[in-house]
Amino acid sequence: MPIPMGMKVAADENRTHTVQEVSELKKSVLKMGIRSEEGWIYFNELLYRCMRRVHGNFKLNKKMQIIELKTQFKIFGLTL
């Protein structure tokens, strides 16, 4: 996905990425907490985590916290 939801990649698709660039991307993905199942991830979880990464710096009221927990529970249930 393009920025702001996606990650920054080199403009030239033919260019190989350095070890440092790959390492930074891996760190970002790990920080997002995306679970994989035999090398596959669910699109909805990826989209949700990208949205949280970009727009997640705000405080949730009690109602929104409950909705957040329910959503995470549903995502977890889908990944089983």
C-alpha atoms as a PDB file:
ATOM      1  CA  MET A   1       0.000   0.000   0.000  1.00  0.00           C
ATOM      2  CA  PRO A   2       1.217   3.499  -0.648  1.00  0.00           C
ATOM      3  CA  ILE A   3       2.089   5.924   2.134  1.00  0.00           C
ATOM      4  CA  PRO A   4       0.594   6.879   4.621  1.00  0.00           C
ATOM      5  CA  MET A   5      -0.989   3.442   5.246  1.00  0.00           C
ATOM      6  CA  GLY A   6       1.861   1.443   3.736  1.00  0.00           C
ATOM      7  CA  MET A   7       5.577   1.396   4.313  1.00  0.00           C
ATOM      8  CA  LYS A   8       8.133   3.472   2.451  1.00  0.00           C
ATOM      9  CA  VAL A   9       9.927   1.516  -0.263  1.00  0.00           C
ATOM     10  CA  ALA A  10      12.482   2.465  -2.862  1.00  0.00           C
ATOM     11  CA  ALA A  11      11.109   4.353  -5.863  1.00  0.00           C
ATOM     12  CA  ASP A  12      12.992   2.088  -8.258  1.00  0.00           C
ATOM     13  CA  GLU A  13      11.443  -1.391  -8.204  1.00  0.00           C
ATOM     14  CA  ASN A  14      14.548  -2.903  -9.835  1.00  0.00           C
ATOM     15  CA  ARG A  15      16.747  -1.759  -6.950  1.00  0.00           C
ATOM     16  CA  THR A  16      17.563  -4.377  -4.344  1.00  0.00           C
ATOM     17  CA  HIS A  17      17.004  -3.388  -0.734  1.00  0.00           C
ATOM     18  CA  THR A  18      19.899  -3.174   1.684  1.00  0.00           C
ATOM     19  CA  VAL A  19      20.031  -5.357   4.785  1.00  0.00           C
ATOM     20  CA  GLN A  20      19.335  -2.277   6.915  1.00  0.00           C
ATOM     21  CA  GLU A  21      16.178  -1.402   4.928  1.00  0.00           C
ATOM     22  CA  VAL A  22      14.859  -4.954   5.204  1.00  0.00           C
ATOM     23  CA  SER A  23      15.695  -4.994   8.913  1.00  0.00           C
ATOM     24  CA  GLU A  24      13.768  -1.750   9.502  1.00  0.00           C
ATOM     25  CA  LEU A  25      10.724  -3.095   7.634  1.00  0.00           C
ATOM     26  CA  LYS A  26      10.809  -6.288   9.705  1.00  0.00           C
ATOM     27  CA  LYS A  27      10.989  -4.244  12.917  1.00  0.00           C
ATOM     28  CA  SER A  28       8.002  -2.166  11.841  1.00  0.00           C
ATOM     29  CA  VAL A  29       5.953  -5.275  11.056  1.00  0.00           C
ATOM     30  CA  LEU A  30       6.893  -6.851  14.397  1.00  0.00           C
ATOM     31  CA  LYS A  31       5.862  -3.676  16.250  1.00  0.00           C
ATOM     32  CA  MET A  32       2.479  -3.847  14.527  1.00  0.00           C
ATOM     33  CA  GLY A  33       1.885  -7.286  16.095  1.00  0.00           C
ATOM     34  CA  ILE A  34       0.574  -8.995  12.972  1.00  0.00           C
ATOM     35  CA  ARG A  35       0.194 -12.729  13.458  1.00  0.00           C
ATOM     36  CA  SER A  36       0.882 -15.150  10.652  1.00  0.00           C
ATOM     37  CA  GLU A  37      -0.426 -18.627  10.072  1.00  0.00           C
ATOM     38  CA  GLU A  38       1.967 -20.830   8.091  1.00  0.00           C
ATOM     39  CA  GLY A  39       3.348 -17.739   6.379  1.00  0.00           C
ATOM     40  CA  TRP A  40      -0.075 -16.239   5.590  1.00  0.00           C
ATOM     41  CA  ILE A  41      -1.699 -13.194   7.158  1.00  0.00           C
ATOM     42  CA  TYR A  42      -5.300 -12.049   7.020  1.00  0.00           C
ATOM     43  CA  PHE A  43      -5.958  -8.906   4.984  1.00  0.00           C
ATOM     44  CA  ASN A  44      -8.405  -7.469   7.537  1.00  0.00           C
ATOM     45  CA  GLU A  45      -5.848  -7.768  10.304  1.00  0.00           C
ATOM     46  CA  LEU A  46      -3.151  -6.178   8.136  1.00  0.00           C
ATOM     47  CA  LEU A  47      -5.436  -3.282   7.245  1.00  0.00           C
ATOM     48  CA  TYR A  48      -6.521  -2.835  10.866  1.00  0.00           C
ATOM     49  CA  ARG A  49      -2.923  -2.831  12.120  1.00  0.00           C
ATOM     50  CA  CYS A  50      -1.826  -0.367   9.419  1.00  0.00           C
ATOM     51  CA  MET A  51      -4.665   1.952  10.387  1.00  0.00           C
ATOM     52  CA  ARG A  52      -3.702   1.678  14.059  1.00  0.00           C
ATOM     53  CA  ARG A  53      -0.075   2.402  13.184  1.00  0.00           C
ATOM     54  CA  VAL A  54      -1.007   5.569  11.291  1.00  0.00           C
ATOM     55  CA  HIS A  55      -4.005   6.827  13.283  1.00  0.00           C
ATOM     56  CA  GLY A  56      -3.520   5.109  16.640  1.00  0.00           C
ATOM     57  CA  ASN A  57      -2.061   7.989  18.614  1.00  0.00           C
ATOM     58  CA  PHE A  58      -5.229   9.075  20.366  1.00  0.00           C
ATOM     59  CA  LYS A  59      -6.995   8.295  23.614  1.00  0.00           C
ATOM     60  CA  LEU A  60     -10.041   6.057  23.545  1.00  0.00           C
ATOM     61  CA  ASN A  61     -13.016   6.581  25.793  1.00  0.00           C
ATOM     62  CA  LYS A  62     -14.497   3.587  27.645  1.00  0.00           C
ATOM     63  CA  LYS A  63     -16.992   2.734  24.897  1.00  0.00           C
ATOM     64  CA  MET A  64     -14.313   2.827  22.204  1.00  0.00           C
ATOM     65  CA  GLN A  65     -11.991   0.676  24.341  1.00  0.00           C
ATOM     66  CA  ILE A  66     -14.699  -1.984  24.567  1.00  0.00           C
ATOM     67  CA  ILE A  67     -15.236  -1.860  20.788  1.00  0.00           C
ATOM     68  CA  GLU A  68     -11.463  -2.091  20.295  1.00  0.00           C
ATOM     69  CA  LEU A  69     -11.232  -5.188  22.510  1.00  0.00           C
ATOM     70  CA  LYS A  70     -14.193  -6.833  20.762  1.00  0.00           C
ATOM     71  CA  THR A  71     -12.584  -6.182  17.375  1.00  0.00           C
ATOM     72  CA  GLN A  72      -9.262  -7.626  18.496  1.00  0.00           C
ATOM     73  CA  PHE A  73     -11.086 -10.673  19.883  1.00  0.00           C
ATOM     74  CA  LYS A  74     -12.871 -11.195  16.548  1.00  0.00           C
ATOM     75  CA  ILE A  75      -9.577 -10.890  14.652  1.00  0.00           C
ATOM     76  CA  PHE A  76      -7.984 -13.372  17.018  1.00  0.00           C
ATOM     77  CA  GLY A  77     -10.896 -15.767  16.484  1.00  0.00           C
ATOM     78  CA  LEU A  78     -10.481 -15.541  12.714  1.00  0.00           C
ATOM     79  CA  THR A  79      -6.806 -16.393  12.907  1.00  0.00           C
ATOM     80  CA  LEU A  80      -7.306 -19.639  14.850  1.00  0.00           C
END
